[in-house]
Protein backbone atom coordinates (compact mmCIF):
# COMPACT_ATOMS: atom_id res chain seq x y z
CA UNK A 1 49.63 -13.58 37.22
CA UNK A 2 52.80 -11.84 36.24
CA UNK A 3 52.61 -8.38 34.70
CA UNK A 4 55.47 -9.28 32.37
CA UNK A 5 53.47 -12.18 30.92
CA UNK A 6 50.59 -9.82 30.15
CA UNK A 7 52.87 -7.02 29.01
CA UNK A 8 54.36 -9.36 26.38
CA UNK A 9 50.87 -9.84 24.95
CA UNK A 10 50.13 -6.14 24.51
CA UNK A 11 50.81 -4.91 20.99
CA UNK A 12 50.54 -1.59 19.23
CA UNK A 13 48.33 -1.75 16.16
CA UNK A 14 47.03 1.35 14.37
CA UNK A 15 48.77 3.41 17.03
CA UNK A 16 46.67 1.80 19.80
CA UNK A 17 47.72 -0.62 22.53
CA UNK A 18 45.69 -3.81 22.11
CA UNK A 19 45.53 -7.45 23.08
CA UNK A 20 44.58 -10.16 20.59
CA UNK A 21 41.72 -12.60 21.06
CA UNK A 22 43.85 -15.76 21.16
CA UNK A 23 46.18 -14.30 23.80
CA UNK A 24 43.19 -13.30 25.90
CA UNK A 25 41.66 -16.75 25.48
CA UNK A 26 44.91 -18.26 26.72
CA UNK A 27 44.95 -15.97 29.76
CA UNK A 28 41.27 -16.66 30.52
CA UNK A 29 41.91 -20.38 29.94
CA UNK A 30 39.14 -20.71 27.34
CA UNK A 31 39.17 -21.50 23.65
CA UNK A 32 39.44 -18.54 21.29
CA UNK A 33 36.11 -19.52 19.68
CA UNK A 34 34.38 -19.46 23.06
CA UNK A 35 35.76 -16.01 23.82
CA UNK A 36 34.75 -14.65 20.40
CA UNK A 37 31.29 -16.24 20.67
CA UNK A 38 30.73 -14.45 23.98
CA UNK A 39 31.78 -11.20 22.36
CA UNK A 40 29.47 -11.76 19.37
CA UNK A 41 26.54 -12.41 21.71
CA UNK A 42 27.23 -9.00 23.28
CA UNK A 43 28.43 -7.18 20.17
CA UNK A 44 26.71 -3.90 21.13
CA UNK A 45 29.19 -3.60 23.99
CA UNK A 46 32.10 -3.56 21.53
CA UNK A 47 32.10 -0.56 19.16
CA UNK A 48 35.02 -0.21 16.77
CA UNK A 49 37.09 1.82 19.24
CA UNK A 50 36.80 -1.05 21.77
CA UNK A 51 37.45 -3.95 19.40
CA UNK A 52 38.33 -4.39 15.73
CA UNK A 53 39.30 -7.19 13.42
CA UNK A 54 42.83 -7.06 12.02
CA UNK A 55 43.21 -6.73 8.27
CA UNK A 56 45.05 -9.48 6.42
CA UNK A 57 48.08 -7.22 6.03
CA UNK A 58 48.13 -6.33 9.74
CA UNK A 59 47.83 -10.00 10.61
CA UNK A 60 50.72 -10.90 8.29
CA UNK A 61 52.91 -8.31 10.01
CA UNK A 62 51.84 -9.57 13.43
CA UNK A 63 52.45 -13.20 12.51
CA UNK A 64 55.98 -12.38 11.43
CA UNK A 65 56.61 -11.03 14.95
CA UNK A 66 55.29 -14.08 16.81
CA UNK A 67 57.32 -17.07 17.81
CA UNK A 68 56.30 -20.30 16.09
CA UNK A 69 54.52 -21.63 19.18
CA UNK A 70 52.15 -18.66 19.26
CA UNK A 71 51.09 -19.22 15.65
CA UNK A 72 50.16 -22.84 16.31
CA UNK A 73 47.43 -21.74 18.72
CA UNK A 74 45.02 -20.57 16.03
CA UNK A 75 43.97 -20.82 12.44
CA UNK A 76 46.40 -18.46 10.72
CA UNK A 77 43.95 -17.89 7.86
CA UNK A 78 41.46 -16.18 10.19
CA UNK A 79 42.41 -12.70 11.31
CA UNK A 80 42.09 -12.14 15.06
CA UNK A 81 40.15 -9.52 16.95
CA UNK A 82 42.12 -6.82 18.73
CA UNK A 83 40.74 -5.44 21.99
CA UNK A 84 41.63 -1.97 23.22
CA UNK A 85 41.84 -1.14 26.91
CA UNK A 86 38.15 -0.17 26.89
CA UNK A 87 37.28 -3.40 25.11
CA UNK A 88 39.13 -5.37 27.76
CA UNK A 89 37.18 -3.57 30.46
CA UNK A 90 33.98 -4.46 28.61
CA UNK A 91 35.09 -8.10 28.45
CA UNK A 92 35.08 -8.17 32.24
CA UNK A 93 31.35 -7.50 32.09
CA UNK A 94 30.59 -10.51 29.93
CA UNK A 95 33.10 -13.00 31.36
CA UNK A 96 32.17 -13.56 34.99
CA UNK A 97 34.25 -16.51 36.12
CA UNK A 98 36.67 -15.99 39.01
CA UNK A 99 39.55 -16.62 36.62
CA UNK A 100 38.24 -13.96 34.19
CA UNK A 101 37.89 -11.42 37.00
CA UNK A 102 41.45 -12.03 38.25
CA UNK A 103 42.87 -11.92 34.73
CA UNK A 104 41.05 -8.65 33.98
CA UNK A 105 42.41 -7.07 37.14
CA UNK A 106 45.93 -8.08 36.14
CA UNK A 107 45.41 -6.79 32.58
CA UNK A 108 44.15 -3.42 33.84
CA UNK A 109 47.20 -3.18 36.10
CA UNK A 110 49.45 -3.92 33.14
CA UNK A 111 47.84 -1.14 31.09
CA UNK A 112 48.16 1.30 34.01
CA UNK A 113 51.83 0.33 34.37
CA UNK A 114 52.41 0.94 30.65
CA UNK A 115 50.81 4.39 30.90
CA UNK A 116 52.90 5.29 33.94
CA UNK A 117 56.04 4.08 32.21
CA UNK A 118 55.19 6.08 29.08
CA UNK A 119 54.60 9.23 31.14
CA UNK A 120 57.82 8.74 33.09
CA UNK A 121 59.69 8.09 29.87
CA UNK A 122 58.19 11.21 28.31
CA UNK A 123 59.15 13.32 31.32
CA UNK A 124 62.68 11.91 31.27
CA UNK A 125 62.99 12.60 27.55
CA UNK A 126 61.89 16.20 28.06
CA UNK A 127 64.39 16.66 30.90
CA UNK A 128 67.20 15.25 28.75
CA UNK A 129 66.29 17.54 25.85
CA UNK A 130 66.22 20.54 28.17
CA UNK A 131 69.60 19.57 29.64
CA UNK A 132 71.02 19.06 26.16
CA UNK A 133 69.84 22.50 25.03
CA UNK A 134 71.28 24.11 28.17
CA UNK A 135 74.55 22.20 27.88
CA UNK A 136 74.93 22.95 24.17
CA UNK A 137 74.47 26.63 24.87
CA UNK A 138 77.08 26.57 27.67
CA UNK A 139 79.56 24.47 25.72
CA UNK A 140 79.15 26.47 22.53
CA UNK A 141 81.56 29.09 23.92
CA UNK A 142 84.00 26.36 24.99
CA UNK A 143 83.84 24.74 21.54
CA UNK A 144 84.43 28.12 19.85
CA UNK A 145 87.42 28.82 22.12
CA UNK A 146 88.91 25.38 21.45
CA UNK A 147 88.33 25.82 17.75
CA UNK A 148 90.03 29.23 17.86
CA UNK A 149 93.02 27.81 19.74
CA UNK A 150 93.37 24.99 17.24
CA UNK A 151 93.13 27.37 14.29
CA UNK A 152 95.26 30.10 15.94
CA UNK A 153 98.53 28.21 15.47
CA UNK A 154 97.65 27.46 11.87
CA UNK A 155 96.74 31.10 11.20
CA UNK A 156 99.96 32.39 12.84
CA UNK A 157 102.04 29.93 10.83
CA UNK A 158 100.35 31.03 7.61
CA UNK A 159 100.94 34.68 8.48
CA UNK A 160 104.64 34.10 9.21
CA UNK A 161 105.11 32.23 5.92
CA UNK A 162 103.47 34.80 3.67
CA UNK A 163 105.42 37.06 1.39
CA UNK A 164 105.59 40.50 2.88
CA UNK A 165 104.69 43.45 0.74
CA UNK A 166 105.53 47.10 1.08
CA UNK A 167 108.71 48.70 2.35
CA UNK A 168 111.34 46.14 3.24
CA UNK A 169 114.50 46.63 5.18
CA UNK A 170 117.55 44.80 4.08
CA UNK A 171 117.35 42.35 7.00
CA UNK A 172 113.83 41.24 6.13
């Protein structure tokens, strides 16, 4: 199973990376109702930080992001369940087919990859900010010198064109 295929099914809702029930059902090659029924039979394994139901507003926003084909896979009037990484790990305990085990392994790898990417991205961002601060400090003097040189000619011209006051010789 390709990581990219799974990665495309990971969304951020309420600031949390989640996968939706119908996408999971597709990956596990079961109907969404069968997946949700298994979850309901084991509901104690799924506290609200492992799984939650999307609000109507959240679902509307999500639906607007899906391609048309994805929306045809489910009843759009029923809001889906969202499973966090811990909820997906818990799913592996209740879905024991070989397909479910392989899919869960791939999903866990996808989440690990996302975390590694986020950390690498964060480190890179910090390095760029540090470089920018250092560079700005070094180039500040250069910018001031260039600015002075640009203004110097203008200032000298203005000084030469001003009306002189005080004692004047006849040649002035």
